[in-house]
Amino acid sequence: MTRAQFAYRNWTITPDLEPDAPPTKHRFRCLGEDDDGKPCGAESKECAGLEDARGWAFQHLQERPEHTSYEQVLCRPWVMRPGSFL
């Protein structure tokens, strides 16, 4: 029989800012509606920089001036860090 001993400890979750962490990815999605009332749903490609993703929103607005609502979709790596034992 194998036995294991567990201890309780505090954990903290924080953004992973280590050099080898996956990059944060930005995307913008249009929340506007087409003429028939259907959601547009168009979105930018995933971008490493926020400004590139925001640039897509301005371009989309030029093509569809009535689409003025957007949401940012952000994918950021996080990591659990062990703290003190309870």
PDB file of N, CA and C in Angstrom:
ATOM      1  N   MET A   1       0.848  -1.171   0.000  1.00  0.00           N
ATOM      2  CA  MET A   1       0.000   0.000   0.000  1.00  0.00           C
ATOM      3  C   MET A   1       0.895   1.235   0.000  1.00  0.00           C
ATOM      4  N   THR A   2       0.563   2.189  -0.835  1.00  0.00           N
ATOM      5  CA  THR A   2       1.302   3.448  -0.887  1.00  0.00           C
ATOM      6  C   THR A   2       0.568   4.475  -0.048  1.00  0.00           C
ATOM      7  N   ARG A   3       1.323   5.217   0.739  1.00  0.00           N
ATOM      8  CA  ARG A   3       0.729   6.264   1.560  1.00  0.00           C
ATOM      9  C   ARG A   3       1.252   7.611   1.099  1.00  0.00           C
ATOM     10  N   ALA A   4       0.436   8.622   1.286  1.00  0.00           N
ATOM     11  CA  ALA A   4       0.832   9.980   0.949  1.00  0.00           C
ATOM     12  C   ALA A   4       0.406  10.909   2.073  1.00  0.00           C
ATOM     13  N   GLN A   5       1.202  11.915   2.272  1.00  0.00           N
ATOM     14  CA  GLN A   5       0.873  12.901   3.279  1.00  0.00           C
ATOM     15  C   GLN A   5       0.658  14.239   2.579  1.00  0.00           C
ATOM     16  N   PHE A   6      -0.433  14.896   2.892  1.00  0.00           N
ATOM     17  CA  PHE A   6      -0.762  16.179   2.291  1.00  0.00           C
ATOM     18  C   PHE A   6      -0.753  17.261   3.353  1.00  0.00           C
ATOM     19  N   ALA A   7      -0.343  18.423   2.972  1.00  0.00           N
ATOM     20  CA  ALA A   7      -0.364  19.576   3.874  1.00  0.00           C
ATOM     21  C   ALA A   7      -1.179  20.676   3.211  1.00  0.00           C
ATOM     22  N   TYR A   8      -1.876  21.418   4.008  1.00  0.00           N
ATOM     23  CA  TYR A   8      -2.637  22.551   3.483  1.00  0.00           C
ATOM     24  C   TYR A   8      -1.730  23.765   3.412  1.00  0.00           C
ATOM     25  N   ARG A   9      -1.858  24.504   2.349  1.00  0.00           N
ATOM     26  CA  ARG A   9      -1.066  25.725   2.203  1.00  0.00           C
ATOM     27  C   ARG A   9      -1.869  26.769   1.450  1.00  0.00           C
ATOM     28  N   ASN A  10      -1.492  28.003   1.640  1.00  0.00           N
ATOM     29  CA  ASN A  10      -2.108  29.102   0.904  1.00  0.00           C
ATOM     30  C   ASN A  10      -1.514  29.159  -0.496  1.00  0.00           C
ATOM     31  N   TRP A  11      -2.343  29.482  -1.472  1.00  0.00           N
ATOM     32  CA  TRP A  11      -1.896  29.635  -2.852  1.00  0.00           C
ATOM     33  C   TRP A  11      -2.338  31.000  -3.350  1.00  0.00           C
ATOM     34  N   THR A  12      -1.570  31.550  -4.262  1.00  0.00           N
ATOM     35  CA  THR A  12      -1.890  32.822  -4.893  1.00  0.00           C
ATOM     36  C   THR A  12      -1.828  32.622  -6.405  1.00  0.00           C
ATOM     37  N   ILE A  13      -2.776  33.222  -7.102  1.00  0.00           N
ATOM     38  CA  ILE A  13      -2.743  33.167  -8.565  1.00  0.00           C
ATOM     39  C   ILE A  13      -2.415  34.571  -9.074  1.00  0.00           C
ATOM     40  N   THR A  14      -1.433  34.633  -9.957  1.00  0.00           N
ATOM     41  CA  THR A  14      -0.979  35.913 -10.490  1.00  0.00           C
ATOM     42  C   THR A  14      -0.674  35.771 -11.979  1.00  0.00           C
ATOM     43  N   PRO A  15      -0.682  36.897 -12.723  1.00  0.00           N
ATOM     44  CA  PRO A  15      -0.267  36.807 -14.131  1.00  0.00           C
ATOM     45  C   PRO A  15       1.158  36.248 -14.227  1.00  0.00           C
ATOM     46  N   ASP A  16       1.369  35.404 -15.211  1.00  0.00           N
ATOM     47  CA  ASP A  16       2.695  34.815 -15.423  1.00  0.00           C
ATOM     48  C   ASP A  16       3.534  35.799 -16.234  1.00  0.00           C
ATOM     49  N   LEU A  17       4.471  36.449 -15.570  1.00  0.00           N
ATOM     50  CA  LEU A  17       5.313  37.459 -16.207  1.00  0.00           C
ATOM     51  C   LEU A  17       6.734  36.968 -16.460  1.00  0.00           C
ATOM     52  N   GLU A  18       6.943  35.678 -16.301  1.00  0.00           N
ATOM     53  CA  GLU A  18       8.271  35.111 -16.539  1.00  0.00           C
ATOM     54  C   GLU A  18       8.621  35.208 -18.024  1.00  0.00           C
ATOM     55  N   PRO A  19       9.915  35.290 -18.339  1.00  0.00           N
ATOM     56  CA  PRO A  19      10.327  35.413 -19.751  1.00  0.00           C
ATOM     57  C   PRO A  19       9.849  34.261 -20.637  1.00  0.00           C
ATOM     58  N   ASP A  20       9.688  33.068 -20.056  1.00  0.00           N
ATOM     59  CA  ASP A  20       9.276  31.915 -20.858  1.00  0.00           C
ATOM     60  C   ASP A  20       7.754  31.703 -20.857  1.00  0.00           C
ATOM     61  N   ALA A  21       7.003  32.637 -20.277  1.00  0.00           N
ATOM     62  CA  ALA A  21       5.540  32.519 -20.249  1.00  0.00           C
ATOM     63  C   ALA A  21       4.974  32.689 -21.655  1.00  0.00           C
ATOM     64  N   PRO A  22       3.846  32.044 -21.932  1.00  0.00           N
ATOM     65  CA  PRO A  22       3.200  32.274 -23.235  1.00  0.00           C
ATOM     66  C   PRO A  22       2.835  33.756 -23.372  1.00  0.00           C
ATOM     67  N   PRO A  23       2.812  34.264 -24.576  1.00  0.00           N
ATOM     68  CA  PRO A  23       2.494  35.690 -24.754  1.00  0.00           C
ATOM     69  C   PRO A  23       1.017  35.979 -24.489  1.00  0.00           C
ATOM     70  N   THR A  24       0.743  37.191 -24.042  1.00  0.00           N
ATOM     71  CA  THR A  24      -0.635  37.665 -23.933  1.00  0.00           C
ATOM     72  C   THR A  24      -1.139  37.929 -25.342  1.00  0.00           C
ATOM     73  N   LYS A  25      -2.393  37.553 -25.610  1.00  0.00           N
ATOM     74  CA  LYS A  25      -2.976  37.736 -26.936  1.00  0.00           C
ATOM     75  C   LYS A  25      -4.205  38.632 -26.817  1.00  0.00           C
ATOM     76  N   HIS A  26      -4.348  39.539 -27.780  1.00  0.00           N
ATOM     77  CA  HIS A  26      -5.456  40.487 -27.795  1.00  0.00           C
ATOM     78  C   HIS A  26      -6.294  40.271 -29.045  1.00  0.00           C
ATOM     79  N   ARG A  27      -7.608  40.478 -28.886  1.00  0.00           N
ATOM     80  CA  ARG A  27      -8.526  40.403 -30.018  1.00  0.00           C
ATOM     81  C   ARG A  27      -9.700  41.329 -29.709  1.00  0.00           C
ATOM     82  N   PHE A  28     -10.275  41.937 -30.722  1.00  0.00           N
ATOM     83  CA  PHE A  28     -11.486  42.727 -30.554  1.00  0.00           C
ATOM     84  C   PHE A  28     -12.599  42.088 -31.359  1.00  0.00           C
ATOM     85  N   ARG A  29     -13.818  42.122 -30.804  1.00  0.00           N
ATOM     86  CA  ARG A  29     -14.996  41.558 -31.455  1.00  0.00           C
ATOM     87  C   ARG A  29     -16.064  42.642 -31.549  1.00  0.00           C
ATOM     88  N   CYS A  30     -16.710  42.725 -32.702  1.00  0.00           N
ATOM     89  CA  CYS A  30     -17.774  43.705 -32.919  1.00  0.00           C
ATOM     90  C   CYS A  30     -19.062  43.234 -32.250  1.00  0.00           C
ATOM     91  N   LEU A  31     -19.672  44.123 -31.471  1.00  0.00           N
ATOM     92  CA  LEU A  31     -20.949  43.822 -30.824  1.00  0.00           C
ATOM     93  C   LEU A  31     -22.119  44.487 -31.545  1.00  0.00           C
ATOM     94  N   GLY A  32     -21.834  45.133 -32.672  1.00  0.00           N
ATOM     95  CA  GLY A  32     -22.879  45.793 -33.448  1.00  0.00           C
ATOM     96  C   GLY A  32     -23.806  44.781 -34.115  1.00  0.00           C
ATOM     97  N   GLU A  33     -24.912  45.301 -34.640  1.00  0.00           N
ATOM     98  CA  GLU A  33     -25.887  44.455 -35.334  1.00  0.00           C
ATOM     99  C   GLU A  33     -25.965  44.845 -36.799  1.00  0.00           C
ATOM    100  N   ASP A  34     -26.196  43.853 -37.643  1.00  0.00           N
ATOM    101  CA  ASP A  34     -26.417  44.111 -39.060  1.00  0.00           C
ATOM    102  C   ASP A  34     -27.827  44.653 -39.265  1.00  0.00           C
ATOM    103  N   ASP A  35     -28.168  45.032 -40.487  1.00  0.00           N
ATOM    104  CA  ASP A  35     -29.476  45.622 -40.783  1.00  0.00           C
ATOM    105  C   ASP A  35     -30.637  44.709 -40.388  1.00  0.00           C
ATOM    106  N   ASP A  36     -30.431  43.402 -40.434  1.00  0.00           N
ATOM    107  CA  ASP A  36     -31.498  42.455 -40.086  1.00  0.00           C
ATOM    108  C   ASP A  36     -31.567  42.162 -38.589  1.00  0.00           C
ATOM    109  N   GLY A  37     -30.760  42.865 -37.783  1.00  0.00           N
ATOM    110  CA  GLY A  37     -30.782  42.687 -36.330  1.00  0.00           C
ATOM    111  C   GLY A  37     -29.914  41.563 -35.818  1.00  0.00           C
ATOM    112  N   LYS A  38     -29.224  40.871 -36.717  1.00  0.00           N
ATOM    113  CA  LYS A  38     -28.331  39.788 -36.289  1.00  0.00           C
ATOM    114  C   LYS A  38     -27.014  40.384 -35.801  1.00  0.00           C
ATOM    115  N   PRO A  39     -26.429  39.802 -34.754  1.00  0.00           N
ATOM    116  CA  PRO A  39     -25.129  40.290 -34.276  1.00  0.00           C
ATOM    117  C   PRO A  39     -24.074  40.166 -35.368  1.00  0.00           C
ATOM    118  N   CYS A  40     -23.232  41.176 -35.481  1.00  0.00           N
ATOM    119  CA  CYS A  40     -22.169  41.151 -36.485  1.00  0.00           C
ATOM    120  C   CYS A  40     -21.165  40.051 -36.147  1.00  0.00           C
ATOM    121  N   GLY A  41     -20.576  40.134 -34.955  1.00  0.00           N
ATOM    122  CA  GLY A  41     -19.651  39.099 -34.510  1.00  0.00           C
ATOM    123  C   GLY A  41     -18.301  39.089 -35.194  1.00  0.00           C
ATOM    124  N   ALA A  42     -18.043  40.036 -36.095  1.00  0.00           N
ATOM    125  CA  ALA A  42     -16.734  40.080 -36.746  1.00  0.00           C
ATOM    126  C   ALA A  42     -15.669  40.331 -35.691  1.00  0.00           C
ATOM    127  N   GLU A  43     -14.502  39.761 -35.894  1.00  0.00           N
ATOM    128  CA  GLU A  43     -13.437  39.970 -34.922  1.00  0.00           C
ATOM    129  C   GLU A  43     -12.073  40.028 -35.588  1.00  0.00           C
ATOM    130  N   SER A  44     -11.173  40.673 -34.880  1.00  0.00           N
ATOM    131  CA  SER A  44      -9.803  40.785 -35.366  1.00  0.00           C
ATOM    132  C   SER A  44      -9.104  39.449 -35.212  1.00  0.00           C
ATOM    133  N   LYS A  45      -7.962  39.332 -35.833  1.00  0.00           N
ATOM    134  CA  LYS A  45      -7.116  38.168 -35.577  1.00  0.00           C
ATOM    135  C   LYS A  45      -6.475  38.341 -34.200  1.00  0.00           C
ATOM    136  N   GLU A  46      -5.941  37.269 -33.649  1.00  0.00           N
ATOM    137  CA  GLU A  46      -5.206  37.378 -32.390  1.00  0.00           C
ATOM    138  C   GLU A  46      -3.928  38.155 -32.633  1.00  0.00           C
ATOM    139  N   CYS A  47      -3.673  39.145 -31.796  1.00  0.00           N
ATOM    140  CA  CYS A  47      -2.509  40.004 -31.954  1.00  0.00           C
ATOM    141  C   CYS A  47      -1.688  39.992 -30.668  1.00  0.00           C
ATOM    142  N   ALA A  48      -0.390  40.049 -30.813  1.00  0.00           N
ATOM    143  CA  ALA A  48       0.474  40.127 -29.636  1.00  0.00           C
ATOM    144  C   ALA A  48       0.402  41.506 -28.994  1.00  0.00           C
ATOM    145  N   GLY A  49       0.117  42.533 -29.792  1.00  0.00           N
ATOM    146  CA  GLY A  49       0.043  43.894 -29.276  1.00  0.00           C
ATOM    147  C   GLY A  49      -1.381  44.419 -29.262  1.00  0.00           C
ATOM    148  N   LEU A  50      -1.722  45.137 -28.204  1.00  0.00           N
ATOM    149  CA  LEU A  50      -3.053  45.709 -28.076  1.00  0.00           C
ATOM    150  C   LEU A  50      -3.354  46.684 -29.209  1.00  0.00           C
ATOM    151  N   GLU A  51      -2.378  47.487 -29.599  1.00  0.00           N
ATOM    152  CA  GLU A  51      -2.608  48.495 -30.642  1.00  0.00           C
ATOM    153  C   GLU A  51      -2.988  47.864 -31.978  1.00  0.00           C
ATOM    154  N   ASP A  52      -2.399  46.730 -32.303  1.00  0.00           N
ATOM    155  CA  ASP A  52      -2.757  46.059 -33.560  1.00  0.00           C
ATOM    156  C   ASP A  52      -4.217  45.612 -33.540  1.00  0.00           C
ATOM    157  N   ALA A  53      -4.658  45.047 -32.428  1.00  0.00           N
ATOM    158  CA  ALA A  53      -6.048  44.603 -32.314  1.00  0.00           C
ATOM    159  C   ALA A  53      -6.996  45.800 -32.332  1.00  0.00           C
ATOM    160  N   ARG A  54      -6.637  46.870 -31.653  1.00  0.00           N
ATOM    161  CA  ARG A  54      -7.478  48.073 -31.657  1.00  0.00           C
ATOM    162  C   ARG A  54      -7.557  48.684 -33.051  1.00  0.00           C
ATOM    163  N   GLY A  55      -6.482  48.609 -33.811  1.00  0.00           N
ATOM    164  CA  GLY A  55      -6.483  49.127 -35.174  1.00  0.00           C
ATOM    165  C   GLY A  55      -7.554  48.459 -36.025  1.00  0.00           C
ATOM    166  N   TRP A  56      -7.781  47.171 -35.804  1.00  0.00           N
ATOM    167  CA  TRP A  56      -8.821  46.465 -36.543  1.00  0.00           C
ATOM    168  C   TRP A  56     -10.192  47.091 -36.269  1.00  0.00           C
ATOM    169  N   ALA A  57     -10.454  47.458 -35.005  1.00  0.00           N
ATOM    170  CA  ALA A  57     -11.751  48.044 -34.648  1.00  0.00           C
ATOM    171  C   ALA A  57     -11.985  49.351 -35.410  1.00  0.00           C
ATOM    172  N   PHE A  58     -10.957  50.177 -35.540  1.00  0.00           N
ATOM    173  CA  PHE A  58     -11.105  51.423 -36.291  1.00  0.00           C
ATOM    174  C   PHE A  58     -11.362  51.139 -37.771  1.00  0.00           C
ATOM    175  N   GLN A  59     -10.698  50.140 -38.309  1.00  0.00           N
ATOM    176  CA  GLN A  59     -10.916  49.769 -39.712  1.00  0.00           C
ATOM    177  C   GLN A  59     -12.340  49.253 -39.909  1.00  0.00           C
ATOM    178  N   HIS A  60     -12.814  48.439 -38.975  1.00  0.00           N
ATOM    179  CA  HIS A  60     -14.173  47.897 -39.075  1.00  0.00           C
ATOM    180  C   HIS A  60     -15.204  49.031 -38.993  1.00  0.00           C
ATOM    181  N   LEU A  61     -14.942  50.005 -38.143  1.00  0.00           N
ATOM    182  CA  LEU A  61     -15.840  51.152 -38.015  1.00  0.00           C
ATOM    183  C   LEU A  61     -15.917  51.945 -39.322  1.00  0.00           C
ATOM    184  N   GLN A  62     -14.802  52.071 -40.021  1.00  0.00           N
ATOM    185  CA  GLN A  62     -14.822  52.768 -41.311  1.00  0.00           C
ATOM    186  C   GLN A  62     -15.707  52.033 -42.302  1.00  0.00           C
ATOM    187  N   GLU A  63     -15.679  50.697 -42.269  1.00  0.00           N
ATOM    188  CA  GLU A  63     -16.472  49.898 -43.201  1.00  0.00           C
ATOM    189  C   GLU A  63     -17.949  49.863 -42.799  1.00  0.00           C
ATOM    190  N   ARG A  64     -18.223  49.951 -41.495  1.00  0.00           N
ATOM    191  CA  ARG A  64     -19.595  49.869 -40.976  1.00  0.00           C
ATOM    192  C   ARG A  64     -19.775  50.922 -39.886  1.00  0.00           C
ATOM    193  N   PRO A  65     -20.027  52.170 -40.270  1.00  0.00           N
ATOM    194  CA  PRO A  65     -20.085  53.274 -39.305  1.00  0.00           C
ATOM    195  C   PRO A  65     -21.111  53.102 -38.186  1.00  0.00           C
ATOM    196  N   GLU A  66     -22.104  52.260 -38.403  1.00  0.00           N
ATOM    197  CA  GLU A  66     -23.120  52.043 -37.371  1.00  0.00           C
ATOM    198  C   GLU A  66     -22.670  51.046 -36.296  1.00  0.00           C
ATOM    199  N   HIS A  67     -21.549  50.383 -36.508  1.00  0.00           N
ATOM    200  CA  HIS A  67     -21.037  49.406 -35.538  1.00  0.00           C
ATOM    201  C   HIS A  67     -20.061  50.113 -34.596  1.00  0.00           C
ATOM    202  N   THR A  68     -20.581  50.549 -33.478  1.00  0.00           N
ATOM    203  CA  THR A  68     -19.774  51.346 -32.540  1.00  0.00           C
ATOM    204  C   THR A  68     -19.481  50.634 -31.223  1.00  0.00           C
ATOM    205  N   SER A  69     -19.952  49.399 -31.053  1.00  0.00           N
ATOM    206  CA  SER A  69     -19.723  48.663 -29.809  1.00  0.00           C
ATOM    207  C   SER A  69     -18.803  47.469 -30.064  1.00  0.00           C
ATOM    208  N   TYR A  70     -17.810  47.315 -29.179  1.00  0.00           N
ATOM    209  CA  TYR A  70     -16.816  46.244 -29.320  1.00  0.00           C
ATOM    210  C   TYR A  70     -16.502  45.668 -27.946  1.00  0.00           C
ATOM    211  N   GLU A  71     -15.967  44.474 -27.942  1.00  0.00           N
ATOM    212  CA  GLU A  71     -15.438  43.919 -26.706  1.00  0.00           C
ATOM    213  C   GLU A  71     -14.027  43.427 -26.954  1.00  0.00           C
ATOM    214  N   GLN A  72     -13.209  43.540 -25.917  1.00  0.00           N
ATOM    215  CA  GLN A  72     -11.840  43.041 -25.998  1.00  0.00           C
ATOM    216  C   GLN A  72     -11.838  41.608 -25.482  1.00  0.00           C
ATOM    217  N   VAL A  73     -11.205  40.727 -26.227  1.00  0.00           N
ATOM    218  CA  VAL A  73     -11.019  39.345 -25.812  1.00  0.00           C
ATOM    219  C   VAL A  73      -9.540  39.208 -25.501  1.00  0.00           C
ATOM    220  N   LEU A  74      -9.230  38.882 -24.270  1.00  0.00           N
ATOM    221  CA  LEU A  74      -7.848  38.858 -23.807  1.00  0.00           C
ATOM    222  C   LEU A  74      -7.502  37.459 -23.329  1.00  0.00           C
ATOM    223  N   CYS A  75      -6.386  36.952 -23.761  1.00  0.00           N
ATOM    224  CA  CYS A  75      -5.887  35.660 -23.307  1.00  0.00           C
ATOM    225  C   CYS A  75      -4.533  35.912 -22.652  1.00  0.00           C
ATOM    226  N   ARG A  76      -4.507  35.805 -21.325  1.00  0.00           N
ATOM    227  CA  ARG A  76      -3.295  36.117 -20.557  1.00  0.00           C
ATOM    228  C   ARG A  76      -2.926  34.900 -19.709  1.00  0.00           C
ATOM    229  N   PRO A  77      -1.663  34.484 -19.726  1.00  0.00           N
ATOM    230  CA  PRO A  77      -1.262  33.344 -18.898  1.00  0.00           C
ATOM    231  C   PRO A  77      -1.191  33.731 -17.416  1.00  0.00           C
ATOM    232  N   TRP A  78      -1.641  32.841 -16.587  1.00  0.00           N
ATOM    233  CA  TRP A  78      -1.587  33.008 -15.130  1.00  0.00           C
ATOM    234  C   TRP A  78      -0.882  31.801 -14.531  1.00  0.00           C
ATOM    235  N   VAL A  79      -0.374  31.958 -13.318  1.00  0.00           N
ATOM    236  CA  VAL A  79       0.344  30.875 -12.655  1.00  0.00           C
ATOM    237  C   VAL A  79      -0.035  30.850 -11.175  1.00  0.00           C
ATOM    238  N   MET A  80      -0.134  29.642 -10.631  1.00  0.00           N
ATOM    239  CA  MET A  80      -0.396  29.451  -9.201  1.00  0.00           C
ATOM    240  C   MET A  80       0.954  29.433  -8.469  1.00  0.00           C
ATOM    241  N   ARG A  81       1.056  30.189  -7.407  1.00  0.00           N
ATOM    242  CA  ARG A  81       2.288  30.256  -6.614  1.00  0.00           C
ATOM    243  C   ARG A  81       1.977  29.742  -5.196  1.00  0.00           C
ATOM    244  N   PRO A  82       2.772  28.784  -4.735  1.00  0.00           N
ATOM    245  CA  PRO A  82       2.537  28.274  -3.378  1.00  0.00           C
ATOM    246  C   PRO A  82       2.964  29.305  -2.328  1.00  0.00           C
ATOM    247  N   GLY A  83       2.194  29.352  -1.273  1.00  0.00           N
ATOM    248  CA  GLY A  83       2.520  30.248  -0.153  1.00  0.00           C
ATOM    249  C   GLY A  83       2.849  29.433   1.081  1.00  0.00           C
ATOM    250  N   SER A  84       2.581  30.012   2.210  1.00  0.00           N
ATOM    251  CA  SER A  84       2.926  29.376   3.476  1.00  0.00           C
ATOM    252  C   SER A  84       1.974  28.211   3.781  1.00  0.00           C
ATOM    253  N   PHE A  85       2.443  27.295   4.597  1.00  0.00           N
ATOM    254  CA  PHE A  85       1.606  26.190   5.058  1.00  0.00           C
ATOM    255  C   PHE A  85       0.667  26.699   6.133  1.00  0.00           C
ATOM    256  N   LEU A  86      -0.521  26.118   6.172  1.00  0.00           N
ATOM    257  CA  LEU A  86      -1.499  26.504   7.204  1.00  0.00           C
ATOM    258  C   LEU A  86      -1.258  25.730   8.479  1.00  0.00           C
TER     259      LEU A  86
END
